[in-house]
């Protein structure tokens, strides 16, 4: 396993950021040519909501199911809002002349 990590590190260091971006884009397009993105997104969203439900239940095991669901949905919306906020800040930084690493 360490040999694979070493080879991966050498490969990553030998590529420019643009080449890494292109390689990732190729991989993503290859994947989505063989899979249904809607099913994948639904699986991810359901898994994230399940995580927030587990966290809500762990915080207070005595809560009724409806309250756990309400709290999990609220935590999910807060998570998505944080992602949106971070994306907005990164776009503003790029527009103001920041580098790609700010995203």
PDB file of N, CA and C in Angstrom:
ATOM      1  N   UNK A   1       0.812  -1.210   0.000  1.00  0.00           N
ATOM      2  CA  UNK A   1       0.000   0.000   0.000  1.00  0.00           C
ATOM      3  C   UNK A   1       0.854   1.273   0.000  1.00  0.00           C
ATOM      4  N   UNK A   2       1.927   1.355   0.815  1.00  0.00           N
ATOM      5  CA  UNK A   2       2.745   2.572   0.804  1.00  0.00           C
ATOM      6  C   UNK A   2       3.337   2.867  -0.580  1.00  0.00           C
ATOM      7  N   UNK A   3       3.631   1.830  -1.353  1.00  0.00           N
ATOM      8  CA  UNK A   3       4.186   2.035  -2.692  1.00  0.00           C
ATOM      9  C   UNK A   3       3.165   2.747  -3.591  1.00  0.00           C
ATOM     10  N   UNK A   4       1.903   2.365  -3.456  1.00  0.00           N
ATOM     11  CA  UNK A   4       0.850   3.007  -4.238  1.00  0.00           C
ATOM     12  C   UNK A   4       0.748   4.482  -3.859  1.00  0.00           C
ATOM     13  N   UNK A   5       0.828   4.772  -2.569  1.00  0.00           N
ATOM     14  CA  UNK A   5       0.768   6.164  -2.120  1.00  0.00           C
ATOM     15  C   UNK A   5       1.947   6.961  -2.653  1.00  0.00           C
ATOM     16  N   UNK A   6       3.106   6.354  -2.683  1.00  0.00           N
ATOM     17  CA  UNK A   6       4.289   7.030  -3.215  1.00  0.00           C
ATOM     18  C   UNK A   6       4.113   7.332  -4.700  1.00  0.00           C
ATOM     19  N   UNK A   7       3.611   6.358  -5.446  1.00  0.00           N
ATOM     20  CA  UNK A   7       3.380   6.579  -6.879  1.00  0.00           C
ATOM     21  C   UNK A   7       2.336   7.667  -7.100  1.00  0.00           C
ATOM     22  N   UNK A   8       1.299   7.657  -6.284  1.00  0.00           N
ATOM     23  CA  UNK A   8       0.269   8.686  -6.391  1.00  0.00           C
ATOM     24  C   UNK A   8       0.844  10.064  -6.092  1.00  0.00           C
ATOM     25  N   UNK A   9       1.681  10.152  -5.065  1.00  0.00           N
ATOM     26  CA  UNK A   9       2.301  11.432  -4.715  1.00  0.00           C
ATOM     27  C   UNK A   9       3.185  11.934  -5.850  1.00  0.00           C
ATOM     28  N   UNK A  10       3.954  11.055  -6.455  1.00  0.00           N
ATOM     29  CA  UNK A  10       4.823  11.445  -7.575  1.00  0.00           C
ATOM     30  C   UNK A  10       3.974  11.932  -8.740  1.00  0.00           C
ATOM     31  N   UNK A  11       2.891  11.230  -9.021  1.00  0.00           N
ATOM     32  CA  UNK A  11       2.014  11.628 -10.114  1.00  0.00           C
ATOM     33  C   UNK A  11       1.402  12.997  -9.845  1.00  0.00           C
ATOM     34  N   UNK A  12       0.934  13.210  -8.629  1.00  0.00           N
ATOM     35  CA  UNK A  12       0.321  14.496  -8.296  1.00  0.00           C
ATOM     36  C   UNK A  12       1.317  15.640  -8.383  1.00  0.00           C
ATOM     37  N   UNK A  13       2.520  15.408  -7.934  1.00  0.00           N
ATOM     38  CA  UNK A  13       3.520  16.464  -7.950  1.00  0.00           C
ATOM     39  C   UNK A  13       4.031  16.750  -9.361  1.00  0.00           C
ATOM     40  N   UNK A  14       3.874  15.794 -10.273  1.00  0.00           N
ATOM     41  CA  UNK A  14       4.395  16.000 -11.620  1.00  0.00           C
ATOM     42  C   UNK A  14       3.376  16.689 -12.533  1.00  0.00           C
ATOM     43  N   UNK A  15       2.153  16.899 -12.050  1.00  0.00           N
ATOM     44  CA  UNK A  15       1.119  17.543 -12.855  1.00  0.00           C
ATOM     45  C   UNK A  15       0.914  18.984 -12.418  1.00  0.00           C
ATOM     46  N   UNK A  16       0.626  19.829 -13.397  1.00  0.00           N
ATOM     47  CA  UNK A  16       0.292  21.218 -13.071  1.00  0.00           C
ATOM     48  C   UNK A  16      -1.137  21.255 -12.541  1.00  0.00           C
ATOM     49  N   UNK A  17      -1.531  22.329 -11.885  1.00  0.00           N
ATOM     50  CA  UNK A  17      -2.918  22.424 -11.420  1.00  0.00           C
ATOM     51  C   UNK A  17      -3.933  22.274 -12.561  1.00  0.00           C
ATOM     52  N   UNK A  18      -3.621  22.817 -13.721  1.00  0.00           N
ATOM     53  CA  UNK A  18      -4.529  22.692 -14.862  1.00  0.00           C
ATOM     54  C   UNK A  18      -4.654  21.243 -15.310  1.00  0.00           C
ATOM     55  N   UNK A  19      -3.537  20.517 -15.298  1.00  0.00           N
ATOM     56  CA  UNK A  19      -3.573  19.111 -15.685  1.00  0.00           C
ATOM     57  C   UNK A  19      -4.360  18.280 -14.670  1.00  0.00           C
ATOM     58  N   UNK A  20      -4.188  18.577 -13.386  1.00  0.00           N
ATOM     59  CA  UNK A  20      -4.961  17.867 -12.359  1.00  0.00           C
ATOM     60  C   UNK A  20      -6.452  18.138 -12.531  1.00  0.00           C
ATOM     61  N   UNK A  21      -6.783  19.396 -12.862  1.00  0.00           N
ATOM     62  CA  UNK A  21      -8.186  19.762 -13.088  1.00  0.00           C
ATOM     63  C   UNK A  21      -8.750  18.972 -14.278  1.00  0.00           C
ATOM     64  N   UNK A  22      -8.010  18.924 -15.354  1.00  0.00           N
ATOM     65  CA  UNK A  22      -8.461  18.173 -16.527  1.00  0.00           C
ATOM     66  C   UNK A  22      -8.614  16.689 -16.223  1.00  0.00           C
ATOM     67  N   UNK A  23      -7.663  16.127 -15.489  1.00  0.00           N
ATOM     68  CA  UNK A  23      -7.740  14.710 -15.146  1.00  0.00           C
ATOM     69  C   UNK A  23      -8.979  14.433 -14.301  1.00  0.00           C
ATOM     70  N   UNK A  24      -9.266  15.307 -13.346  1.00  0.00           N
ATOM     71  CA  UNK A  24     -10.451  15.137 -12.514  1.00  0.00           C
ATOM     72  C   UNK A  24     -11.723  15.276 -13.337  1.00  0.00           C
ATOM     73  N   UNK A  25     -11.717  16.203 -14.267  1.00  0.00           N
ATOM     74  CA  UNK A  25     -12.874  16.401 -15.140  1.00  0.00           C
ATOM     75  C   UNK A  25     -13.122  15.165 -16.006  1.00  0.00           C
ATOM     76  N   UNK A  26     -12.064  14.593 -16.538  1.00  0.00           N
ATOM     77  CA  UNK A  26     -12.184  13.369 -17.333  1.00  0.00           C
ATOM     78  C   UNK A  26     -12.772  12.243 -16.483  1.00  0.00           C
ATOM     79  N   UNK A  27     -12.269  12.101 -15.266  1.00  0.00           N
ATOM     80  CA  UNK A  27     -12.772  11.050 -14.378  1.00  0.00           C
ATOM     81  C   UNK A  27     -14.249  11.259 -14.059  1.00  0.00           C
ATOM     82  N   UNK A  28     -14.635  12.488 -13.795  1.00  0.00           N
ATOM     83  CA  UNK A  28     -16.039  12.768 -13.475  1.00  0.00           C
ATOM     84  C   UNK A  28     -16.932  12.474 -14.675  1.00  0.00           C
ATOM     85  N   UNK A  29     -16.535  12.916 -15.847  1.00  0.00           N
ATOM     86  CA  UNK A  29     -17.350  12.669 -17.038  1.00  0.00           C
ATOM     87  C   UNK A  29     -17.439  11.175 -17.352  1.00  0.00           C
ATOM     88  N   UNK A  30     -16.344  10.465 -17.141  1.00  0.00           N
ATOM     89  CA  UNK A  30     -16.355   9.017 -17.348  1.00  0.00           C
ATOM     90  C   UNK A  30     -17.327   8.355 -16.386  1.00  0.00           C
ATOM     91  N   UNK A  31     -17.277   8.768 -15.138  1.00  0.00           N
ATOM     92  CA  UNK A  31     -18.178   8.187 -14.143  1.00  0.00           C
ATOM     93  C   UNK A  31     -19.630   8.475 -14.502  1.00  0.00           C
ATOM     94  N   UNK A  32     -19.948   9.729 -14.809  1.00  0.00           N
ATOM     95  CA  UNK A  32     -21.342  10.085 -15.062  1.00  0.00           C
ATOM     96  C   UNK A  32     -21.853   9.539 -16.383  1.00  0.00           C
ATOM     97  N   UNK A  33     -20.958   9.101 -17.262  1.00  0.00           N
ATOM     98  CA  UNK A  33     -21.409   8.460 -18.497  1.00  0.00           C
ATOM     99  C   UNK A  33     -21.917   7.050 -18.228  1.00  0.00           C
ATOM    100  N   UNK A  34     -21.552   6.489 -17.079  1.00  0.00           N
ATOM    101  CA  UNK A  34     -21.931   5.116 -16.755  1.00  0.00           C
ATOM    102  C   UNK A  34     -22.917   5.023 -15.593  1.00  0.00           C
ATOM    103  N   UNK A  35     -23.237   6.124 -14.938  1.00  0.00           N
ATOM    104  CA  UNK A  35     -24.114   6.100 -13.765  1.00  0.00           C
ATOM    105  C   UNK A  35     -25.219   7.132 -13.904  1.00  0.00           C
ATOM    106  N   UNK A  36     -26.265   6.922 -13.115  1.00  0.00           N
ATOM    107  CA  UNK A  36     -27.367   7.875 -13.061  1.00  0.00           C
ATOM    108  C   UNK A  36     -27.065   8.890 -11.963  1.00  0.00           C
ATOM    109  N   UNK A  37     -26.790  10.143 -12.305  1.00  0.00           N
ATOM    110  CA  UNK A  37     -26.441  11.121 -11.283  1.00  0.00           C
ATOM    111  C   UNK A  37     -27.585  11.390 -10.298  1.00  0.00           C
ATOM    112  N   UNK A  38     -28.819  11.277 -10.738  1.00  0.00           N
ATOM    113  CA  UNK A  38     -29.951  11.540  -9.830  1.00  0.00           C
ATOM    114  C   UNK A  38     -29.996  10.496  -8.723  1.00  0.00           C
ATOM    115  N   UNK A  39     -29.783   9.230  -9.078  1.00  0.00           N
ATOM    116  CA  UNK A  39     -29.795   8.171  -8.064  1.00  0.00           C
ATOM    117  C   UNK A  39     -28.633   8.350  -7.092  1.00  0.00           C
ATOM    118  N   UNK A  40     -27.484   8.729  -7.620  1.00  0.00           N
ATOM    119  CA  UNK A  40     -26.314   8.955  -6.772  1.00  0.00           C
ATOM    120  C   UNK A  40     -26.541  10.127  -5.820  1.00  0.00           C
ATOM    121  N   UNK A  41     -27.122  11.211  -6.339  1.00  0.00           N
ATOM    122  CA  UNK A  41     -27.397  12.380  -5.504  1.00  0.00           C
ATOM    123  C   UNK A  41     -28.409  12.039  -4.417  1.00  0.00           C
ATOM    124  N   UNK A  42     -29.444  11.297  -4.770  1.00  0.00           N
ATOM    125  CA  UNK A  42     -30.461  10.908  -3.785  1.00  0.00           C
ATOM    126  C   UNK A  42     -29.836  10.049  -2.689  1.00  0.00           C
ATOM    127  N   UNK A  43     -28.965   9.134  -3.068  1.00  0.00           N
ATOM    128  CA  UNK A  43     -28.291   8.281  -2.081  1.00  0.00           C
ATOM    129  C   UNK A  43     -27.449   9.134  -1.132  1.00  0.00           C
ATOM    130  N   UNK A  44     -26.742  10.104  -1.681  1.00  0.00           N
ATOM    131  CA  UNK A  44     -25.917  10.979  -0.851  1.00  0.00           C
ATOM    132  C   UNK A  44     -26.751  11.852   0.078  1.00  0.00           C
ATOM    133  N   UNK A  45     -27.836  12.404  -0.439  1.00  0.00           N
ATOM    134  CA  UNK A  45     -28.703  13.254   0.388  1.00  0.00           C
ATOM    135  C   UNK A  45     -29.362  12.451   1.497  1.00  0.00           C
ATOM    136  N   UNK A  46     -29.799  11.228   1.173  1.00  0.00           N
ATOM    137  CA  UNK A  46     -30.412  10.381   2.196  1.00  0.00           C
ATOM    138  C   UNK A  46     -29.401  10.007   3.274  1.00  0.00           C
ATOM    139  N   UNK A  47     -28.177   9.731   2.847  1.00  0.00           N
ATOM    140  CA  UNK A  47     -27.130   9.398   3.821  1.00  0.00           C
ATOM    141  C   UNK A  47     -26.810  10.572   4.725  1.00  0.00           C
ATOM    142  N   UNK A  48     -26.779  11.775   4.161  1.00  0.00           N
ATOM    143  CA  UNK A  48     -26.496  12.967   4.957  1.00  0.00           C
ATOM    144  C   UNK A  48     -27.627  13.235   5.950  1.00  0.00           C
ATOM    145  N   UNK A  49     -28.861  13.079   5.500  1.00  0.00           N
ATOM    146  CA  UNK A  49     -30.000  13.273   6.392  1.00  0.00           C
ATOM    147  C   UNK A  49     -29.987  12.223   7.506  1.00  0.00           C
ATOM    148  N   UNK A  50     -29.631  10.993   7.173  1.00  0.00           N
ATOM    149  CA  UNK A  50     -29.540   9.936   8.188  1.00  0.00           C
ATOM    150  C   UNK A  50     -28.469  10.283   9.227  1.00  0.00           C
ATOM    151  N   UNK A  51     -27.365  10.864   8.779  1.00  0.00           N
ATOM    152  CA  UNK A  51     -26.304  11.291   9.715  1.00  0.00           C
ATOM    153  C   UNK A  51     -26.839  12.330  10.684  1.00  0.00           C
ATOM    154  N   UNK A  52     -27.579  13.318  10.158  1.00  0.00           N
ATOM    155  CA  UNK A  52     -28.131  14.355  11.032  1.00  0.00           C
ATOM    156  C   UNK A  52     -29.183  13.778  11.977  1.00  0.00           C
ATOM    157  N   UNK A  53     -29.929  12.771  11.537  1.00  0.00           N
ATOM    158  CA  UNK A  53     -30.894  12.112  12.426  1.00  0.00           C
ATOM    159  C   UNK A  53     -30.174  11.381  13.554  1.00  0.00           C
ATOM    160  N   UNK A  54     -29.079  10.690  13.222  1.00  0.00           N
ATOM    161  CA  UNK A  54     -28.296  10.008  14.263  1.00  0.00           C
ATOM    162  C   UNK A  54     -27.753  11.010  15.278  1.00  0.00           C
ATOM    163  N   UNK A  55     -27.260  12.137  14.777  1.00  0.00           N
ATOM    164  CA  UNK A  55     -26.720  13.159  15.678  1.00  0.00           C
ATOM    165  C   UNK A  55     -27.809  13.746  16.569  1.00  0.00           C
ATOM    166  N   UNK A  56     -28.993  13.987  16.011  1.00  0.00           N
ATOM    167  CA  UNK A  56     -30.099  14.538  16.803  1.00  0.00           C
ATOM    168  C   UNK A  56     -30.531  13.532  17.868  1.00  0.00           C
ATOM    169  N   UNK A  57     -30.599  12.256  17.493  1.00  0.00           N
ATOM    170  CA  UNK A  57     -31.004  11.231  18.448  1.00  0.00           C
ATOM    171  C   UNK A  57     -29.949  11.063  19.538  1.00  0.00           C
ATOM    172  N   UNK A  58     -28.674  11.163  19.163  1.00  0.00           N
ATOM    173  CA  UNK A  58     -27.591  11.019  20.150  1.00  0.00           C
ATOM    174  C   UNK A  58     -27.594  12.187  21.140  1.00  0.00           C
ATOM    175  N   UNK A  59     -27.961  13.366  20.661  1.00  0.00           N
ATOM    176  CA  UNK A  59     -27.989  14.548  21.538  1.00  0.00           C
ATOM    177  C   UNK A  59     -29.072  14.418  22.602  1.00  0.00           C
ATOM    178  N   UNK A  60     -30.209  13.799  22.237  1.00  0.00           N
ATOM    179  CA  UNK A  60     -31.302  13.613  23.197  1.00  0.00           C
ATOM    180  C   UNK A  60     -32.109  12.388  22.791  1.00  0.00           C
ATOM    181  N   UNK A  61     -31.767  11.231  23.358  1.00  0.00           N
ATOM    182  CA  UNK A  61     -32.438   9.982  22.973  1.00  0.00           C
ATOM    183  C   UNK A  61     -33.930   9.938  23.326  1.00  0.00           C
ATOM    184  N   UNK A  62     -34.388  10.855  24.154  1.00  0.00           N
ATOM    185  CA  UNK A  62     -35.801  10.828  24.578  1.00  0.00           C
ATOM    186  C   UNK A  62     -36.721  11.559  23.605  1.00  0.00           C
ATOM    187  N   UNK A  63     -36.175  12.190  22.588  1.00  0.00           N
ATOM    188  CA  UNK A  63     -36.998  12.962  21.654  1.00  0.00           C
ATOM    189  C   UNK A  63     -37.935  12.054  20.856  1.00  0.00           C
ATOM    190  N   UNK A  64     -39.150  12.527  20.611  1.00  0.00           N
ATOM    191  CA  UNK A  64     -40.035  11.771  19.719  1.00  0.00           C
ATOM    192  C   UNK A  64     -39.489  11.788  18.285  1.00  0.00           C
ATOM    193  N   UNK A  65     -39.885  10.801  17.493  1.00  0.00           N
ATOM    194  CA  UNK A  65     -39.384  10.686  16.122  1.00  0.00           C
ATOM    195  C   UNK A  65     -39.640  11.947  15.303  1.00  0.00           C
ATOM    196  N   UNK A  66     -40.801  12.554  15.468  1.00  0.00           N
ATOM    197  CA  UNK A  66     -41.130  13.758  14.698  1.00  0.00           C
ATOM    198  C   UNK A  66     -40.148  14.889  15.013  1.00  0.00           C
ATOM    199  N   UNK A  67     -39.770  15.020  16.275  1.00  0.00           N
ATOM    200  CA  UNK A  67     -38.825  16.075  16.654  1.00  0.00           C
ATOM    201  C   UNK A  67     -37.424  15.768  16.133  1.00  0.00           C
ATOM    202  N   UNK A  68     -37.030  14.496  16.151  1.00  0.00           N
ATOM    203  CA  UNK A  68     -35.732  14.104  15.590  1.00  0.00           C
ATOM    204  C   UNK A  68     -35.699  14.449  14.103  1.00  0.00           C
ATOM    205  N   UNK A  69     -36.781  14.134  13.401  1.00  0.00           N
ATOM    206  CA  UNK A  69     -36.864  14.438  11.971  1.00  0.00           C
ATOM    207  C   UNK A  69     -36.791  15.941  11.729  1.00  0.00           C
ATOM    208  N   UNK A  70     -37.516  16.717  12.526  1.00  0.00           N
ATOM    209  CA  UNK A  70     -37.508  18.176  12.374  1.00  0.00           C
ATOM    210  C   UNK A  70     -36.112  18.733  12.580  1.00  0.00           C
ATOM    211  N   UNK A  71     -35.447  18.271  13.641  1.00  0.00           N
ATOM    212  CA  UNK A  71     -34.094  18.761  13.932  1.00  0.00           C
ATOM    213  C   UNK A  71     -33.100  18.332  12.852  1.00  0.00           C
ATOM    214  N   UNK A  72     -33.241  17.115  12.367  1.00  0.00           N
ATOM    215  CA  UNK A  72     -32.338  16.629  11.318  1.00  0.00           C
ATOM    216  C   UNK A  72     -32.517  17.445  10.043  1.00  0.00           C
ATOM    217  N   UNK A  73     -33.757  17.730   9.689  1.00  0.00           N
ATOM    218  CA  UNK A  73     -34.001  18.528   8.491  1.00  0.00           C
ATOM    219  C   UNK A  73     -33.443  19.937   8.649  1.00  0.00           C
ATOM    220  N   UNK A  74     -33.558  20.485   9.842  1.00  0.00           N
ATOM    221  CA  UNK A  74     -33.008  21.816  10.091  1.00  0.00           C
ATOM    222  C   UNK A  74     -31.475  21.797  10.022  1.00  0.00           C
ATOM    223  N   UNK A  75     -30.867  20.759  10.573  1.00  0.00           N
ATOM    224  CA  UNK A  75     -29.409  20.627  10.506  1.00  0.00           C
ATOM    225  C   UNK A  75     -28.950  20.465   9.061  1.00  0.00           C
ATOM    226  N   UNK A  76     -29.733  19.724   8.275  1.00  0.00           N
ATOM    227  CA  UNK A  76     -29.418  19.546   6.853  1.00  0.00           C
ATOM    228  C   UNK A  76     -29.467  20.890   6.125  1.00  0.00           C
ATOM    229  N   UNK A  77     -30.512  21.666   6.391  1.00  0.00           N
ATOM    230  CA  UNK A  77     -30.633  22.979   5.743  1.00  0.00           C
ATOM    231  C   UNK A  77     -29.499  23.915   6.177  1.00  0.00           C
ATOM    232  N   UNK A  78     -29.116  23.857   7.461  1.00  0.00           N
ATOM    233  CA  UNK A  78     -28.004  24.680   7.937  1.00  0.00           C
ATOM    234  C   UNK A  78     -26.701  24.277   7.240  1.00  0.00           C
ATOM    235  N   UNK A  79     -26.500  22.977   7.076  1.00  0.00           N
ATOM    236  CA  UNK A  79     -25.301  22.472   6.396  1.00  0.00           C
ATOM    237  C   UNK A  79     -25.249  22.989   4.955  1.00  0.00           C
ATOM    238  N   UNK A  80     -26.372  22.887   4.263  1.00  0.00           N
ATOM    239  CA  UNK A  80     -26.423  23.348   2.873  1.00  0.00           C
ATOM    240  C   UNK A  80     -26.224  24.866   2.787  1.00  0.00           C
ATOM    241  N   UNK A  81     -26.760  25.597   3.746  1.00  0.00           N
ATOM    242  CA  UNK A  81     -26.571  27.052   3.769  1.00  0.00           C
ATOM    243  C   UNK A  81     -25.101  27.398   3.993  1.00  0.00           C
ATOM    244  N   UNK A  82     -24.409  26.635   4.867  1.00  0.00           N
ATOM    245  CA  UNK A  82     -22.979  26.869   5.084  1.00  0.00           C
ATOM    246  C   UNK A  82     -22.199  26.623   3.792  1.00  0.00           C
ATOM    247  N   UNK A  83     -22.547  25.556   3.074  1.00  0.00           N
ATOM    248  CA  UNK A  83     -21.875  25.274   1.805  1.00  0.00           C
ATOM    249  C   UNK A  83     -22.114  26.400   0.800  1.00  0.00           C
ATOM    250  N   UNK A  84     -23.340  26.882   0.752  1.00  0.00           N
ATOM    251  CA  UNK A  84     -23.678  27.968  -0.162  1.00  0.00           C
ATOM    252  C   UNK A  84     -22.912  29.233   0.188  1.00  0.00           C
ATOM    253  N   UNK A  85     -22.810  29.519   1.477  1.00  0.00           N
ATOM    254  CA  UNK A  85     -22.091  30.702   1.942  1.00  0.00           C
ATOM    255  C   UNK A  85     -20.611  30.611   1.571  1.00  0.00           C
ATOM    256  N   UNK A  86     -20.012  29.440   1.799  1.00  0.00           N
ATOM    257  CA  UNK A  86     -18.596  29.256   1.456  1.00  0.00           C
ATOM    258  C   UNK A  86     -18.384  29.401  -0.054  1.00  0.00           C
ATOM    259  N   UNK A  87     -19.308  28.872  -0.834  1.00  0.00           N
ATOM    260  CA  UNK A  87     -19.215  28.994  -2.285  1.00  0.00           C
ATOM    261  C   UNK A  87     -19.321  30.454  -2.721  1.00  0.00           C
ATOM    262  N   UNK A  88     -20.227  31.186  -2.088  1.00  0.00           N
ATOM    263  CA  UNK A  88     -20.400  32.601  -2.412  1.00  0.00           C
ATOM    264  C   UNK A  88     -19.132  33.394  -2.110  1.00  0.00           C
ATOM    265  N   UNK A  89     -18.524  33.109  -0.968  1.00  0.00           N
ATOM    266  CA  UNK A  89     -17.283  33.805  -0.609  1.00  0.00           C
ATOM    267  C   UNK A  89     -16.169  33.467  -1.594  1.00  0.00           C
ATOM    268  N   UNK A  90     -16.084  32.208  -2.009  1.00  0.00           N
ATOM    269  CA  UNK A  90     -15.039  31.804  -2.953  1.00  0.00           C
ATOM    270  C   UNK A  90     -15.243  32.478  -4.309  1.00  0.00           C
ATOM    271  N   UNK A  91     -16.494  32.552  -4.759  1.00  0.00           N
ATOM    272  CA  UNK A  91     -16.762  33.231  -6.039  1.00  0.00           C
ATOM    273  C   UNK A  91     -16.389  34.705  -5.963  1.00  0.00           C
ATOM    274  N   UNK A  92     -16.720  35.343  -4.839  1.00  0.00           N
ATOM    275  CA  UNK A  92     -16.383  36.759  -4.676  1.00  0.00           C
ATOM    276  C   UNK A  92     -14.870  36.964  -4.662  1.00  0.00           C
ATOM    277  N   UNK A  93     -14.161  36.038  -4.014  1.00  0.00           N
ATOM    278  CA  UNK A  93     -12.696  36.141  -3.957  1.00  0.00           C
ATOM    279  C   UNK A  93     -12.109  35.992  -5.357  1.00  0.00           C
ATOM    280  N   UNK A  94     -12.627  35.034  -6.127  1.00  0.00           N
ATOM    281  CA  UNK A  94     -12.119  34.861  -7.502  1.00  0.00           C
ATOM    282  C   UNK A  94     -12.424  36.080  -8.350  1.00  0.00           C
ATOM    283  N   UNK A  95     -13.619  36.629  -8.190  1.00  0.00           N
ATOM    284  CA  UNK A  95     -14.003  37.798  -8.970  1.00  0.00           C
ATOM    285  C   UNK A  95     -13.127  38.995  -8.617  1.00  0.00           C
ATOM    286  N   UNK A  96     -12.706  39.083  -7.345  1.00  0.00           N
ATOM    287  CA  UNK A  96     -11.873  40.179  -6.906  1.00  0.00           C
ATOM    288  C   UNK A  96     -10.402  39.970  -7.252  1.00  0.00           C
ATOM    289  N   UNK A  97     -10.111  38.834  -7.907  1.00  0.00           N
ATOM    290  CA  UNK A  97      -8.725  38.594  -8.335  1.00  0.00           C
ATOM    291  C   UNK A  97      -7.985  37.619  -7.477  1.00  0.00           C
ATOM    292  N   UNK A  98      -8.701  36.919  -6.583  1.00  0.00           N
ATOM    293  CA  UNK A  98      -8.058  35.903  -5.770  1.00  0.00           C
ATOM    294  C   UNK A  98      -7.658  34.713  -6.620  1.00  0.00           C
ATOM    295  N   UNK A  99      -6.836  33.842  -6.062  1.00  0.00           N
ATOM    296  CA  UNK A  99      -6.403  32.673  -6.823  1.00  0.00           C
ATOM    297  C   UNK A  99      -7.427  31.547  -6.708  1.00  0.00           C
ATOM    298  N   UNK A 100      -7.211  30.471  -7.468  1.00  0.00           N
ATOM    299  CA  UNK A 100      -8.138  29.330  -7.463  1.00  0.00           C
ATOM    300  C   UNK A 100      -8.113  28.606  -6.130  1.00  0.00           C
ATOM    301  N   UNK A 101      -7.030  28.692  -5.400  1.00  0.00           N
ATOM    302  CA  UNK A 101      -6.931  27.993  -4.122  1.00  0.00           C
ATOM    303  C   UNK A 101      -7.921  28.532  -3.115  1.00  0.00           C
ATOM    304  N   UNK A 102      -8.406  29.749  -3.319  1.00  0.00           N
ATOM    305  CA  UNK A 102      -9.380  30.332  -2.387  1.00  0.00           C
ATOM    306  C   UNK A 102     -10.713  29.625  -2.468  1.00  0.00           C
ATOM    307  N   UNK A 103     -10.977  28.915  -3.544  1.00  0.00           N
ATOM    308  CA  UNK A 103     -12.239  28.195  -3.673  1.00  0.00           C
ATOM    309  C   UNK A 103     -12.151  26.948  -2.887  1.00  0.00           C
TER     310      UNK A 103
END
